Amino acid sequence: MTLPIPLIQALQVATIAIGAPLVSGVISRVEARLQGRRGPRILQPYYDLAKLVRKEALAPEGASWVFLAAPLVACAAYLTVPLLIPVLTTYGLPLGYMGDILGGGFILSLASFVVAVAALETGSPYAQMGASRAKTFAAITEPVVLFVVFTVALLTGTDLPYVLAATVRSSAGQLVRPAHLLAAAALFMVILYETGRIPVETHTGTNEFGMIEEARPFEHSGPYFALLKWGSWMKQLILYTILVNVFVAPWGLAATARPADVGLAIVTLLAKAAGIGIVVAVIDNSFAKLRLFKITEFVAGAFLLAVLGVFTLYLGGG
């Protein structure tokens, strides 16, 4: 018995959507333990979403339809990316070739852009401050992502995610190439920034001096705020999936359409993502937070690693 291909594609999207709060709950629980606190339940994000959905949705006076449409567009963008990347299978699914990994990055940027526009619609100084900071630093991080993709594309001859993962799986030597390691390290540093960890001031607090991700949905409430929270968790799991299933550990994926293989791939993905999350939580709690203006230096370090990866490739170390 094999599962229909459209069902597997739907399962890829469902795994990201349903598993994202779970991974976030694991990270929050580990962080609390590292700080000597009991912490929330692992399933607490699901309860938070259910509570927010039942609340009333309000919009600031003077805000246009963009304010309410942005959470829907952002979630639609986040649910599109799992169709393009190897979430559960080693073989490419029919919709997996609609775009390459660069196209997936553009879709994630679209989600970030519409959320920033919605923040500007509110007229709130905190929300506008978060949107301004997010777009300012995005101008620095996006070239880093482009360089990472460029480096790996030079190694494999393509930037299709399924082909990239197949190249890394082909031999252990592919994984330990200096150029590949430098590109993966640069991507990991970008993920730390994009998910609100080091060097961001805080990813859960409300200190206006460090708010970026938390400031943009400041004026949203009810189901729309739930969509933004859910979308941020999906974005986190998508980035983790790209890191582990394309760059670092593209193993444990289903090679067939049998239910047992697909089910094992779901469990393996969530386990690997939780492992990455635990590493991120340890890093986040082991270093002092950097000041906001130091973010540019942190991202510049990631950019330098990506550039070194390209030079290493051309100098014979790739």
Protein backbone atom coordinates (compact mmCIF):
# COMPACT_ATOMS: atom_id res chain seq x y z
CA MET A 1 0.00 0.00 0.00
CA THR A 2 1.27 3.43 -0.95
CA LEU A 3 -0.04 6.89 -0.24
CA PRO A 4 -1.20 9.10 -3.12
CA ILE A 5 1.33 11.76 -4.07
CA PRO A 6 -1.14 14.65 -3.47
CA LEU A 7 -1.71 13.31 0.05
CA ILE A 8 2.04 13.28 0.74
CA GLN A 9 2.28 16.86 -0.43
CA ALA A 10 -0.57 17.79 1.88
CA LEU A 11 1.20 15.95 4.72
CA GLN A 12 4.32 18.06 4.13
CA VAL A 13 2.31 21.22 4.67
CA ALA A 14 0.40 19.72 7.62
CA THR A 15 3.65 18.60 9.28
CA ILE A 16 5.01 22.15 9.22
CA ALA A 17 1.71 23.70 10.31
CA ILE A 18 0.90 21.25 13.13
CA GLY A 19 4.46 20.53 14.24
CA ALA A 20 5.62 24.16 14.45
CA PRO A 21 3.96 24.92 17.84
CA LEU A 22 5.34 21.66 19.22
CA VAL A 23 8.93 22.58 18.34
CA SER A 24 8.41 26.03 19.83
CA GLY A 25 7.04 24.44 23.01
CA VAL A 26 10.11 22.20 23.31
CA ILE A 27 12.42 25.21 22.95
CA SER A 28 10.50 27.20 25.57
CA ARG A 29 10.60 24.26 27.97
CA VAL A 30 14.36 23.77 27.53
CA GLU A 31 15.01 27.49 27.97
CA ALA A 32 13.05 27.51 31.21
CA ARG A 33 15.01 24.54 32.54
CA LEU A 34 18.30 26.19 31.64
CA GLN A 35 17.20 29.27 33.59
CA GLY A 36 16.18 27.21 36.64
CA ARG A 37 12.44 27.64 36.06
CA ARG A 38 9.73 25.04 35.72
CA GLY A 39 8.56 26.62 32.50
CA PRO A 40 5.42 26.13 30.39
CA ARG A 41 4.10 22.83 29.15
CA ILE A 42 5.46 21.59 25.83
CA LEU A 43 1.93 21.77 24.40
CA GLN A 44 1.36 25.29 25.74
CA PRO A 45 1.59 26.95 22.27
CA TYR A 46 -1.47 24.97 21.16
CA TYR A 47 -3.44 26.23 24.17
CA ASP A 48 -2.28 29.79 23.45
CA LEU A 49 -3.51 29.57 19.86
CA ALA A 50 -6.87 28.17 20.97
CA LYS A 51 -7.25 31.00 23.51
CA LEU A 52 -6.40 33.69 20.97
CA VAL A 53 -8.81 32.30 18.39
CA ARG A 54 -11.70 32.68 20.84
CA LYS A 55 -10.90 36.34 21.56
CA GLU A 56 -12.29 39.37 19.80
CA ALA A 57 -10.34 40.85 16.89
CA LEU A 58 -9.81 44.61 16.95
CA ALA A 59 -8.25 46.98 14.42
CA PRO A 60 -6.72 50.43 15.08
CA GLU A 61 -8.74 53.40 13.92
CA GLY A 62 -7.72 54.43 10.43
CA ALA A 63 -6.13 51.09 9.49
CA SER A 64 -7.05 49.79 6.03
CA TRP A 65 -7.90 46.28 4.87
CA VAL A 66 -4.17 45.56 4.60
CA PHE A 67 -3.96 45.35 8.40
CA LEU A 68 -6.38 42.39 8.51
CA ALA A 69 -5.23 40.78 5.27
CA ALA A 70 -1.54 40.66 6.22
CA PRO A 71 -1.79 37.72 8.69
CA LEU A 72 -3.71 35.69 6.09
CA VAL A 73 -1.20 36.43 3.33
CA ALA A 74 1.75 35.69 5.63
CA CYS A 75 0.33 32.32 6.68
CA ALA A 76 -0.43 31.45 3.05
CA ALA A 77 3.20 32.21 2.19
CA TYR A 78 4.50 30.07 5.04
CA LEU A 79 2.26 27.18 3.95
CA THR A 80 3.57 27.44 0.37
CA VAL A 81 7.25 26.96 1.17
CA PRO A 82 6.85 23.32 2.43
CA LEU A 83 5.73 22.43 -1.10
CA LEU A 84 9.17 23.42 -2.43
CA ILE A 85 11.56 21.84 0.09
CA PRO A 86 12.23 18.20 1.12
CA VAL A 87 10.15 17.98 4.27
CA LEU A 88 9.30 14.26 4.20
CA THR A 89 10.58 12.65 0.98
CA THR A 90 13.89 12.15 -0.79
CA TYR A 91 12.18 12.24 -4.18
CA GLY A 92 10.80 15.41 -5.65
CA LEU A 93 7.04 15.84 -5.52
CA PRO A 94 5.19 17.36 -8.52
CA LEU A 95 4.84 20.79 -6.89
CA GLY A 96 8.38 20.63 -5.53
CA TYR A 97 9.79 21.98 -8.78
CA MET A 98 7.61 25.09 -8.94
CA GLY A 99 10.53 27.03 -7.49
CA ASP A 100 14.06 26.66 -6.20
CA ILE A 101 15.41 27.43 -2.74
CA LEU A 102 15.87 31.06 -3.78
CA GLY A 103 12.18 31.23 -4.70
CA GLY A 104 11.32 29.87 -1.27
CA GLY A 105 13.40 32.65 0.25
CA PHE A 106 11.46 35.23 -1.76
CA ILE A 107 8.18 33.79 -0.44
CA LEU A 108 9.44 34.08 3.14
CA SER A 109 10.49 37.66 2.40
CA LEU A 110 7.00 38.37 1.07
CA ALA A 111 5.49 37.20 4.36
CA SER A 112 7.86 39.43 6.31
CA PHE A 113 7.07 42.38 4.02
CA VAL A 114 3.29 42.19 4.40
CA VAL A 115 3.60 41.92 8.20
CA ALA A 116 5.82 45.02 8.19
CA VAL A 117 3.31 46.90 6.02
CA ALA A 118 0.51 45.95 8.42
CA ALA A 119 2.59 47.29 11.30
CA LEU A 120 3.00 50.59 9.48
CA GLU A 121 -0.77 50.74 8.95
CA THR A 122 -1.41 50.86 12.69
CA GLY A 123 0.25 54.21 13.37
CA SER A 124 1.63 52.72 16.59
CA PRO A 125 5.20 53.91 17.29
CA TYR A 126 6.22 50.50 18.70
CA ALA A 127 4.83 48.55 15.73
CA GLN A 128 6.36 50.98 13.25
CA MET A 129 9.68 50.80 15.08
CA GLY A 130 9.70 47.00 14.84
CA ALA A 131 8.82 47.11 11.14
CA SER A 132 11.55 49.66 10.45
CA ARG A 133 14.16 47.63 12.31
CA ALA A 134 13.10 44.38 10.64
CA LYS A 135 13.42 45.82 7.12
CA THR A 136 16.70 47.58 7.95
CA PHE A 137 18.35 44.39 9.13
CA ALA A 138 16.71 42.35 6.36
CA ALA A 139 18.67 44.44 3.86
CA ILE A 140 21.78 42.93 5.45
CA THR A 141 20.62 39.35 6.01
CA GLU A 142 19.12 38.74 2.58
CA PRO A 143 22.49 39.11 0.75
CA VAL A 144 23.87 36.54 3.19
CA VAL A 145 21.15 34.07 2.21
CA LEU A 146 21.85 34.77 -1.47
CA PHE A 147 25.54 34.05 -0.96
CA VAL A 148 24.77 30.82 0.89
CA VAL A 149 22.52 29.63 -1.94
CA PHE A 150 25.12 30.74 -4.49
CA THR A 151 27.86 28.78 -2.74
CA VAL A 152 25.86 25.57 -2.48
CA ALA A 153 24.62 25.96 -6.07
CA LEU A 154 28.25 26.10 -7.21
CA LEU A 155 28.94 22.87 -5.32
CA THR A 156 26.01 20.94 -6.78
CA GLY A 157 25.34 22.71 -10.07
CA THR A 158 21.74 23.54 -9.08
CA ASP A 159 19.74 25.32 -6.40
CA LEU A 160 16.80 22.92 -6.35
CA PRO A 161 16.36 21.83 -2.70
CA TYR A 162 15.77 18.15 -3.51
CA VAL A 163 18.93 17.98 -5.62
CA LEU A 164 20.95 19.80 -2.94
CA ALA A 165 19.84 17.28 -0.33
CA ALA A 166 20.57 14.34 -2.67
CA THR A 167 24.10 15.65 -3.24
CA VAL A 168 24.81 15.84 0.49
CA ARG A 169 23.37 12.34 0.99
CA SER A 170 25.53 10.91 -1.76
CA SER A 171 28.63 10.66 0.46
CA ALA A 172 29.99 11.79 3.81
CA GLY A 173 32.67 13.73 1.95
CA GLN A 174 30.04 16.09 0.58
CA LEU A 175 28.99 17.03 4.10
CA VAL A 176 32.50 17.90 5.34
CA ARG A 177 33.56 20.00 2.38
CA PRO A 178 35.03 23.24 3.76
CA ALA A 179 32.90 25.38 1.44
CA HIS A 180 29.77 23.49 2.45
CA LEU A 181 30.56 23.80 6.17
CA LEU A 182 31.15 27.54 5.85
CA ALA A 183 27.87 27.99 3.97
CA ALA A 184 25.97 25.93 6.56
CA ALA A 185 27.51 27.95 9.41
CA ALA A 186 26.50 31.19 7.71
CA LEU A 187 22.95 29.92 7.26
CA PHE A 188 22.80 28.88 10.92
CA MET A 189 23.83 32.38 12.00
CA VAL A 190 21.11 33.88 9.80
CA ILE A 191 18.58 31.49 11.35
CA LEU A 192 19.60 32.70 14.81
CA TYR A 193 18.74 36.23 13.76
CA GLU A 194 15.59 35.37 11.80
CA THR A 195 14.12 33.44 14.74
CA GLY A 196 14.78 36.21 17.24
CA ARG A 197 17.69 34.62 19.12
CA ILE A 198 21.26 35.84 19.45
CA PRO A 199 21.96 38.69 18.93
CA VAL A 200 18.39 40.04 19.19
CA GLU A 201 17.64 41.60 22.55
CA THR A 202 14.71 39.31 23.31
CA HIS A 203 12.26 37.14 21.37
CA THR A 204 9.48 37.07 23.96
CA GLY A 205 9.77 40.25 25.99
CA THR A 206 8.28 43.70 25.54
CA ASN A 207 11.35 45.86 26.09
CA GLU A 208 11.04 48.50 23.39
CA PHE A 209 14.81 48.87 23.10
CA GLY A 210 15.11 45.36 21.69
CA MET A 211 11.73 44.61 20.15
CA ILE A 212 11.74 43.53 16.51
CA GLU A 213 9.66 40.40 15.92
CA GLU A 214 7.45 41.06 18.94
CA ALA A 215 6.85 44.68 17.98
CA ARG A 216 5.41 44.16 14.51
CA PRO A 217 2.19 42.36 15.61
CA PHE A 218 1.87 44.71 18.60
CA GLU A 219 -1.57 46.01 17.56
CA HIS A 220 -3.06 42.73 16.33
CA SER A 221 -5.44 40.76 18.52
CA GLY A 222 -7.65 37.71 18.53
CA PRO A 223 -7.48 35.28 15.57
CA TYR A 224 -5.25 37.62 13.56
CA PHE A 225 -2.66 37.71 16.31
CA ALA A 226 -2.94 33.92 16.53
CA LEU A 227 -2.14 33.67 12.82
CA LEU A 228 0.93 35.88 13.24
CA LYS A 229 2.19 33.82 16.19
CA TRP A 230 1.50 30.59 14.34
CA GLY A 231 3.21 31.98 11.24
CA SER A 232 6.36 32.89 13.19
CA TRP A 233 6.52 29.33 14.55
CA MET A 234 6.03 27.91 11.05
CA LYS A 235 8.81 30.14 9.73
CA GLN A 236 11.09 28.83 12.48
CA LEU A 237 10.35 25.19 11.60
CA ILE A 238 10.77 25.90 7.88
CA LEU A 239 14.23 27.37 8.46
CA TYR A 240 15.17 24.43 10.69
CA THR A 241 13.92 22.04 7.99
CA ILE A 242 16.03 23.71 5.32
CA LEU A 243 19.07 23.52 7.60
CA VAL A 244 18.73 19.84 8.55
CA ASN A 245 17.08 18.34 5.46
CA VAL A 246 19.10 20.24 2.85
CA PHE A 247 22.41 21.30 4.40
CA VAL A 248 23.33 19.33 7.51
CA ALA A 249 21.49 16.02 7.94
CA PRO A 250 19.26 15.09 4.97
CA TRP A 251 18.65 11.59 6.30
CA GLY A 252 15.52 9.96 7.67
CA LEU A 253 13.40 11.09 4.74
CA ALA A 254 10.95 8.70 3.11
CA ALA A 255 12.32 6.99 -0.02
CA THR A 256 8.95 5.44 -0.85
CA ALA A 257 5.28 6.38 -0.52
CA ARG A 258 4.50 3.69 2.04
CA PRO A 259 2.64 4.96 5.12
CA ALA A 260 5.27 3.58 7.52
CA ASP A 261 8.10 5.41 5.75
CA VAL A 262 6.20 8.69 5.59
CA GLY A 263 5.17 8.40 9.23
CA LEU A 264 8.77 7.74 10.26
CA ALA A 265 9.88 10.76 8.22
CA ILE A 266 7.41 12.97 10.13
CA VAL A 267 8.75 11.79 13.48
CA THR A 268 12.36 12.11 12.32
CA LEU A 269 11.85 15.66 11.07
CA LEU A 270 10.26 16.82 14.32
CA ALA A 271 13.03 15.13 16.31
CA LYS A 272 15.77 16.78 14.25
CA ALA A 273 14.05 20.17 14.43
CA ALA A 274 13.67 19.80 18.20
CA GLY A 275 17.38 18.94 18.41
CA ILE A 276 18.30 22.09 16.49
CA GLY A 277 15.95 24.04 18.75
CA ILE A 278 17.66 22.70 21.86
CA VAL A 279 21.05 23.74 20.48
CA VAL A 280 19.65 27.20 19.74
CA ALA A 281 18.19 27.43 23.25
CA VAL A 282 21.55 26.53 24.79
CA ILE A 283 23.31 29.17 22.65
CA ASP A 284 20.62 31.73 23.48
CA ASN A 285 21.08 31.21 27.21
CA SER A 286 24.87 30.87 27.21
CA PHE A 287 25.77 34.27 25.82
CA ALA A 288 24.94 37.77 26.91
CA LYS A 289 22.55 39.60 24.64
CA LEU A 290 24.19 41.97 22.20
CA ARG A 291 23.14 45.56 21.88
CA LEU A 292 20.83 46.29 19.01
CA PHE A 293 23.40 48.09 16.86
CA LYS A 294 25.68 45.06 17.17
CA ILE A 295 23.28 43.02 15.01
CA THR A 296 24.94 44.43 11.90
CA GLU A 297 28.31 43.10 13.08
CA PHE A 298 26.82 39.69 13.80
CA VAL A 299 25.20 39.45 10.37
CA ALA A 300 28.39 40.77 8.77
CA GLY A 301 30.17 37.80 10.32
CA ALA A 302 27.68 35.46 8.67
CA PHE A 303 28.19 37.28 5.36
CA LEU A 304 31.95 36.85 5.70
CA LEU A 305 31.55 33.11 6.24
CA ALA A 306 29.47 32.85 3.07
CA VAL A 307 32.04 34.82 1.08
CA LEU A 308 34.83 32.64 2.47
CA GLY A 309 32.85 29.62 1.33
CA VAL A 310 32.91 30.92 -2.25
CA PHE A 311 36.63 31.70 -2.11
CA THR A 312 37.33 28.29 -0.57
CA LEU A 313 35.49 26.63 -3.41
CA TYR A 314 37.52 28.41 -6.06
CA LEU A 315 40.80 27.91 -4.20
CA GLY A 316 40.34 24.14 -4.19
CA GLY A 317 38.88 23.56 -0.72
CA GLY A 318 35.30 23.07 -1.89
